[in-house]
Protein backbone atom coordinates (compact mmCIF):
# COMPACT_ATOMS: atom_id res chain seq x y z
CA MET A 1 185.01 120.23 90.02
CA ARG A 2 185.21 119.12 93.60
CA LYS A 3 183.51 121.78 95.02
CA PHE A 4 180.80 121.75 92.39
CA ILE A 5 179.95 117.74 93.24
CA ILE A 6 179.65 118.86 96.97
CA LEU A 7 177.33 121.88 96.26
CA VAL A 8 175.20 119.20 94.05
CA LEU A 9 175.27 116.38 96.68
CA LEU A 10 174.16 118.66 99.16
CA LEU A 11 171.21 120.27 96.95
CA VAL A 12 170.35 116.80 96.42
CA ALA A 13 170.54 116.10 100.18
CA THR A 14 168.50 119.19 100.98
CA VAL A 15 165.78 118.37 98.46
CA MET A 16 165.54 114.88 99.56
CA THR A 17 165.08 116.35 103.48
CA LEU A 18 162.45 119.09 102.24
CA ASN A 19 160.89 116.17 100.28
CA GLY A 20 160.94 113.85 103.37
CA TRP A 21 159.74 116.45 105.57
CA PHE A 22 156.87 117.30 103.17
CA GLN A 23 155.71 113.63 102.70
CA TYR A 24 155.87 113.54 106.50
CA GLN A 25 153.62 116.75 106.85
CA THR A 26 151.03 115.56 104.48
CA ASN A 27 150.91 112.26 105.48
CA LYS A 28 149.51 112.82 108.89
CA PRO A 29 145.78 112.00 109.52
CA LEU A 30 143.44 114.79 109.62
CA LEU A 31 142.76 115.91 113.21
CA VAL A 32 139.14 114.16 113.45
CA GLU A 33 138.99 111.99 116.26
CA GLU A 34 135.77 109.95 115.03
CA ALA A 35 133.97 109.20 111.96
CA VAL A 36 132.78 112.74 110.47
CA HIS A 37 130.12 113.52 107.79
CA TYR A 38 131.40 116.43 105.37
CA THR A 39 128.89 118.04 102.85
CA LEU A 40 130.91 119.34 99.81
CA PRO A 41 128.63 122.13 98.11
CA ALA A 42 128.16 122.19 94.78
CA GLY A 43 130.68 124.54 92.84
CA GLN A 44 133.74 123.97 95.86
CA SER A 45 136.95 124.23 94.81
CA ALA A 46 139.78 121.82 96.13
CA ILE A 47 141.31 125.22 97.34
CA ALA A 48 138.28 126.56 99.25
CA THR A 49 138.30 122.69 100.66
CA ILE A 50 141.42 123.15 102.06
CA ASN A 51 140.55 126.67 103.50
CA ASP A 52 137.49 124.88 104.87
CA PHE A 53 139.40 122.13 106.37
CA GLU A 54 141.53 124.49 108.48
CA GLN A 55 138.79 126.34 109.57
CA LYS A 56 137.37 123.29 111.19
CA GLY A 57 140.51 122.51 112.64
CA TRP A 58 141.41 119.38 110.88
CA LEU A 59 144.62 120.37 109.06
CA PRO A 60 147.38 118.60 110.70
CA MET A 61 149.81 120.99 108.77
CA SER A 62 149.88 124.51 107.90
CA ARG A 63 147.35 125.78 105.11
CA ARG A 64 150.01 126.54 102.77
CA VAL A 65 151.70 123.20 102.72
CA ALA A 66 148.47 121.75 102.20
CA ARG A 67 147.91 124.18 99.27
CA VAL A 68 151.39 123.43 98.01
CA TRP A 69 150.58 119.64 98.08
CA LEU A 70 147.52 120.18 96.20
CA LYS A 71 148.95 122.14 93.43
CA LEU A 72 152.23 119.76 93.21
CA VAL A 73 151.45 116.15 94.62
CA ALA A 74 147.75 115.70 94.74
CA ARG A 75 146.55 113.24 92.22
CA ASP A 76 142.87 114.15 91.75
CA THR A 77 141.18 117.35 92.77
CA HIS A 78 138.19 117.25 90.66
CA ILE A 79 136.07 116.53 93.36
CA ARG A 80 132.40 116.09 93.34
CA ALA A 81 129.58 117.84 95.21
CA GLY A 82 128.00 115.38 97.90
CA THR A 83 128.14 114.33 101.62
CA TYR A 84 131.08 111.78 102.73
CA GLU A 85 132.24 110.18 105.59
CA ILE A 86 135.75 111.12 106.47
CA GLN A 87 137.46 108.27 109.03
CA PRO A 88 139.92 109.09 111.73
CA GLY A 89 143.24 108.20 110.53
CA SER A 90 142.56 109.53 107.03
CA ASN A 91 145.29 111.75 105.44
CA LEU A 92 144.59 114.35 102.69
CA GLU A 93 145.34 112.14 100.02
CA ALA A 94 142.90 109.73 100.81
CA VAL A 95 140.32 112.26 101.66
CA PHE A 96 140.47 113.70 98.37
CA SER A 97 140.48 110.79 96.50
CA LEU A 98 137.19 110.05 98.40
CA LEU A 99 135.88 113.25 97.66
CA ALA A 100 136.48 112.85 93.68
CA SER A 101 134.93 109.01 93.94
CA GLY A 102 131.47 110.52 94.55
CA GLN A 103 130.87 107.71 96.93
CA GLU A 104 128.42 109.29 99.02
CA VAL A 105 127.43 108.09 102.60
CA GLN A 106 124.49 106.44 102.61
CA TYR A 107 121.61 106.94 105.04
CA ASP A 108 118.61 105.00 105.42
CA ILE A 109 115.15 104.95 106.43
CA THR A 110 113.09 102.45 107.47
CA LEU A 111 109.00 102.87 106.90
CA ILE A 112 107.10 100.17 109.40
CA GLU A 113 104.30 98.19 108.15
CA GLY A 114 101.13 98.51 110.10
CA LEU A 115 101.22 102.36 110.50
CA THR A 116 99.51 104.59 108.63
CA PHE A 117 100.49 106.77 105.41
CA ASP A 118 100.29 109.88 107.34
CA GLN A 119 102.71 108.42 109.87
CA TRP A 120 104.91 107.75 107.30
CA LEU A 121 104.83 111.32 106.01
CA GLN A 122 105.91 112.26 108.90
CA THR A 123 108.87 109.83 109.24
CA LEU A 124 110.10 111.20 105.91
CA ALA A 125 109.82 114.99 107.37
CA ASP A 126 111.39 113.92 110.16
CA SER A 127 114.69 113.03 108.37
CA GLU A 128 117.53 115.82 108.67
CA TRP A 129 118.94 113.93 105.32
CA LEU A 130 116.04 114.31 103.28
CA ASP A 131 114.25 117.13 101.01
CA ASN A 132 111.08 117.34 102.42
CA ASP A 133 109.13 118.37 99.05
CA LEU A 134 105.78 116.17 99.59
CA THR A 135 102.83 117.91 98.44
CA ALA A 136 99.47 116.89 96.80
CA GLU A 137 100.89 117.79 93.57
CA GLN A 138 104.22 115.71 94.00
CA LEU A 139 102.36 112.69 95.14
CA GLN A 140 99.37 112.94 92.38
CA PRO A 141 100.98 111.00 89.43
CA ILE A 142 102.52 108.16 91.99
CA LEU A 143 98.69 108.06 92.93
CA ASP A 144 97.71 107.77 89.36
CA SER A 145 99.82 104.96 88.90
CA TRP A 146 97.80 102.66 90.98
CA GLN A 147 94.34 103.46 88.91
CA PRO A 148 95.05 100.57 86.61
CA TYR A 149 95.32 97.93 89.16
CA ALA A 150 92.18 98.93 90.83
CA LYS A 151 88.60 98.57 89.88
CA GLN A 152 87.28 101.79 91.98
CA PRO A 153 88.71 105.39 92.41
CA VAL A 154 92.21 105.29 93.98
CA THR A 155 92.49 108.66 96.15
CA SER A 156 95.40 107.64 98.82
CA LEU A 157 98.33 106.31 99.00
CA GLU A 158 97.47 104.32 102.04
CA GLY A 159 98.74 100.76 101.90
CA LEU A 160 100.33 101.11 98.30
CA LEU A 161 103.46 101.78 99.35
CA LEU A 162 105.96 98.83 100.35
CA ALA A 163 107.03 98.51 103.86
CA ASP A 164 111.01 98.49 103.88
CA THR A 165 114.35 99.99 104.61
CA TYR A 166 115.52 102.36 101.88
CA HIS A 167 119.05 104.01 101.45
CA PHE A 168 119.84 107.39 99.99
CA THR A 169 122.45 109.96 100.10
CA ASN A 170 121.83 113.34 101.74
CA GLY A 171 119.77 116.02 99.76
CA THR A 172 117.39 113.08 98.19
CA LYS A 173 113.95 114.14 97.66
CA ALA A 174 111.51 112.73 100.02
CA SER A 175 109.19 112.26 97.23
CA GLU A 176 111.97 109.86 95.27
CA ILE A 177 111.32 107.61 98.57
CA VAL A 178 107.70 107.82 98.05
CA GLN A 179 108.22 106.69 94.48
CA ARG A 180 110.93 104.01 94.91
CA ALA A 181 108.32 102.62 97.62
CA SER A 182 105.46 102.70 95.46
CA ASP A 183 107.53 101.11 92.41
CA ALA A 184 108.81 98.52 94.80
CA MET A 185 105.00 97.20 95.85
CA GLN A 186 103.66 97.30 92.43
CA ALA A 187 106.49 95.20 91.14
CA PHE A 188 106.24 92.59 93.92
CA LEU A 189 102.33 92.75 93.97
CA LEU A 190 101.93 92.37 90.41
CA LYS A 191 104.39 89.49 90.10
CA ARG A 192 102.44 87.66 92.96
CA TRP A 193 99.19 88.52 91.37
CA GLU A 194 100.30 86.59 88.14
CA GLN A 195 101.22 83.78 90.04
CA ARG A 196 97.71 83.66 92.37
CA LEU A 197 95.71 80.51 93.32
CA GLY A 198 92.41 80.72 91.44
CA GLY A 199 89.34 80.78 93.03
CA LEU A 200 90.33 84.46 95.37
CA PRO A 201 87.55 86.86 96.00
CA TYR A 202 89.66 89.75 94.76
CA ASN A 203 88.29 91.30 91.25
CA ALA A 204 91.69 93.63 91.66
CA PRO A 205 95.46 94.09 92.59
CA PHE A 206 94.27 96.86 94.86
CA GLU A 207 92.02 94.49 96.81
CA VAL A 208 94.70 92.23 97.69
CA LEU A 209 96.28 95.36 99.33
CA ILE A 210 93.02 95.84 101.51
CA MET A 211 93.24 92.66 102.42
CA ALA A 212 96.84 92.66 103.43
CA SER A 213 96.66 95.91 105.37
CA ILE A 214 93.69 94.07 107.28
CA ILE A 215 96.05 91.19 108.20
CA GLU A 216 98.91 93.37 108.89
CA LYS A 217 96.50 95.52 111.96
CA GLU A 218 95.19 91.99 112.96
CA THR A 219 98.12 90.16 113.70
CA ALA A 220 101.95 90.41 113.94
CA LEU A 221 102.79 86.80 114.51
CA GLU A 222 104.08 85.28 111.16
CA PHE A 223 102.89 81.77 111.72
CA GLU A 224 99.10 83.34 111.88
CA ARG A 225 98.65 85.54 108.77
CA MET A 226 97.58 82.88 106.47
CA HIS A 227 95.14 81.60 108.69
CA ILE A 228 93.72 84.98 109.45
CA ALA A 229 93.80 85.45 105.95
CA GLY A 230 91.91 81.95 105.60
CA VAL A 231 89.12 83.48 107.85
CA PHE A 232 88.48 86.46 105.88
CA VAL A 233 88.60 84.69 102.47
CA ASN A 234 85.88 82.58 104.03
CA ARG A 235 83.86 85.09 105.26
CA LEU A 236 83.54 86.77 101.97
CA GLU A 237 82.80 83.76 100.01
CA ARG A 238 79.64 83.32 102.19
CA ASN A 239 78.71 86.78 102.01
CA MET A 240 79.43 87.53 105.64
CA ARG A 241 80.56 90.73 107.11
CA LEU A 242 84.46 90.86 107.69
CA GLN A 243 83.79 92.32 111.52
CA THR A 244 87.25 93.48 111.98
CA ASP A 245 87.80 96.32 114.38
CA PRO A 246 90.85 97.92 112.78
CA THR A 247 88.29 98.82 109.98
CA VAL A 248 86.27 100.63 112.03
CA ILE A 249 89.10 102.38 114.02
CA TYR A 250 90.66 103.54 110.82
CA GLY A 251 87.09 105.08 109.73
CA LEU A 252 87.05 106.93 113.00
CA GLY A 253 90.21 108.52 112.30
CA ASP A 254 91.41 111.63 114.91
CA ARG A 255 88.31 110.81 116.66
CA PHE A 256 89.53 107.14 117.75
CA ASP A 257 90.66 107.71 121.45
CA GLY A 258 91.90 103.95 122.20
CA ASN A 259 88.57 102.85 123.48
CA LEU A 260 86.45 100.97 120.70
CA THR A 261 82.75 101.33 121.95
CA ARG A 262 79.47 99.30 120.74
CA LYS A 263 78.32 102.60 119.28
CA HIS A 264 81.63 102.83 117.21
CA LEU A 265 80.62 99.50 115.80
CA ARG A 266 77.49 100.62 114.64
CA GLU A 267 78.77 104.16 113.30
CA ASP A 268 78.01 104.23 109.32
CA THR A 269 81.76 104.87 108.06
CA PRO A 270 82.62 103.38 104.74
CA TYR A 271 85.34 101.53 106.36
CA ASN A 272 83.11 100.02 109.25
CA THR A 273 83.25 96.39 108.29
CA TYR A 274 80.36 95.87 110.79
CA VAL A 275 77.70 97.70 109.28
CA HIS A 276 79.08 96.97 105.49
CA LYS A 277 79.78 93.47 103.63
CA GLY A 278 82.56 93.14 101.40
CA LEU A 279 86.02 94.89 101.81
CA PRO A 280 86.50 98.12 102.75
CA PRO A 281 86.91 101.04 99.84
CA GLY A 282 90.94 100.99 100.71
CA PRO A 283 93.77 99.44 102.43
CA ILE A 284 93.73 100.87 106.45
CA ALA A 285 97.56 100.73 106.98
CA MET A 286 101.01 100.43 105.36
CA ILE A 287 102.20 96.75 104.16
CA GLY A 288 104.98 94.49 104.25
CA LYS A 289 105.73 91.49 101.93
CA ALA A 290 104.66 89.08 104.17
CA ALA A 291 101.21 90.30 104.36
CA VAL A 292 100.77 90.73 100.74
CA GLU A 293 102.03 86.74 100.52
CA ALA A 294 99.23 85.82 103.34
CA ALA A 295 96.53 87.89 101.47
CA LEU A 296 97.42 85.60 98.04
CA LEU A 297 97.98 82.35 100.29
CA PRO A 298 95.37 82.13 102.45
CA GLU A 299 95.44 79.06 104.73
CA VAL A 300 92.57 76.37 103.49
CA THR A 301 90.34 75.87 106.69
CA GLU A 302 86.99 76.12 108.00
CA ASP A 303 87.36 78.60 110.75
CA LEU A 304 85.08 81.77 110.39
CA TYR A 305 86.10 83.34 113.59
CA PHE A 306 88.88 84.47 115.88
CA VAL A 307 89.45 86.28 119.04
CA ALA A 308 92.50 87.76 120.51
CA LYS A 309 94.23 85.83 123.55
CA GLY A 310 95.67 88.67 125.15
CA ASP A 311 99.09 87.25 124.40
CA GLY A 312 99.21 88.71 121.02
CA SER A 313 97.91 85.30 119.09
CA HIS A 314 94.48 84.37 118.44
CA VAL A 315 92.19 81.01 119.03
CA PHE A 316 90.36 80.22 115.81
CA SER A 317 86.67 78.91 115.33
CA ALA A 318 84.63 77.42 112.97
CA THR A 319 81.40 77.97 114.38
CA LEU A 320 79.69 80.37 116.17
CA GLN A 321 78.95 78.41 119.89
CA ALA A 322 83.05 77.59 119.95
CA HIS A 323 83.47 81.37 119.31
CA ASN A 324 81.31 82.60 121.78
CA GLN A 325 83.06 80.19 124.21
CA ALA A 326 86.38 81.62 123.39
CA VAL A 327 85.30 85.10 123.91
CA ARG A 328 83.77 84.24 127.20
CA GLN A 329 86.95 82.39 128.42
CA TYR A 330 89.58 85.26 126.64
CA GLN A 331 87.82 88.44 126.61
CA LEU A 332 85.10 88.58 129.40
CA LYS A 333 87.57 87.15 131.48
CA LYS A 334 89.99 89.60 130.92
CA GLU A 335 87.00 92.34 131.25
CA ASP A 336 86.23 91.07 135.02
CA LYS A 337 90.25 90.98 136.44
């Protein structure tokens, strides 16, 4: 009997020792020195993931020990496809809990106001984490969704997507980002349209975006946006041409080489506001919320003109005489230097 008890005690001690050793092995952190992004393909099993970790040199124990842990100890092996961020110091249990949670790493892309839609398309195409599925067929439904908010045909997504930072997971389709940016702009614009002041010279929400895009290109200074909007509203109300250089540049397209000439100002493109009265046929840039706000809340002023001072700000004038004086002071003087 005594021998039996001793044998049982030895067996228990052996099991406890092995269990302690096993826990010590499986509690070791994976051999990653910094956070890594791991993409788990659809259909990959937990066993295949262990094998993949071994091939990458991440396992701190033998593959056999890891597989025994997976069979006998692991709480959740129902792992989900996706891309995850594995932190240094994470052991097998922590990593497999992460893979089973579906909490994928979030990437982001910033679409900047003032750029063109073509430049945004390139930004989307350059993202290694997006599936670049953008085609004319993919974009057409998004374009069509804007037609109810315009009095003229909407032929481009220029200015119709909200400049912002968008978060996504690996493999998200680029068209989904475009759709989200379009939905965000529609939601923001239509809410502000319902709250607009009376008497503004816009016949449809689409025209607000046209004005906002011009404001976006004319100034990067927040405190100037509503003032510039006020100038353009005053000119529209007086049936004056807007005469804004960014519209001319947009109409020139790839032909613009950085030097705007008097010949360009006389060239008859649909976007040349030196030639045509009223707003151009569509936005000329991508837009942020602040420019939309400015277009719908223009500053009440008598000013009809403004000229760049050369430091990013502008001088505003109510009369042509005062404007010409400002041009001589800030533009002609600069050309003489």
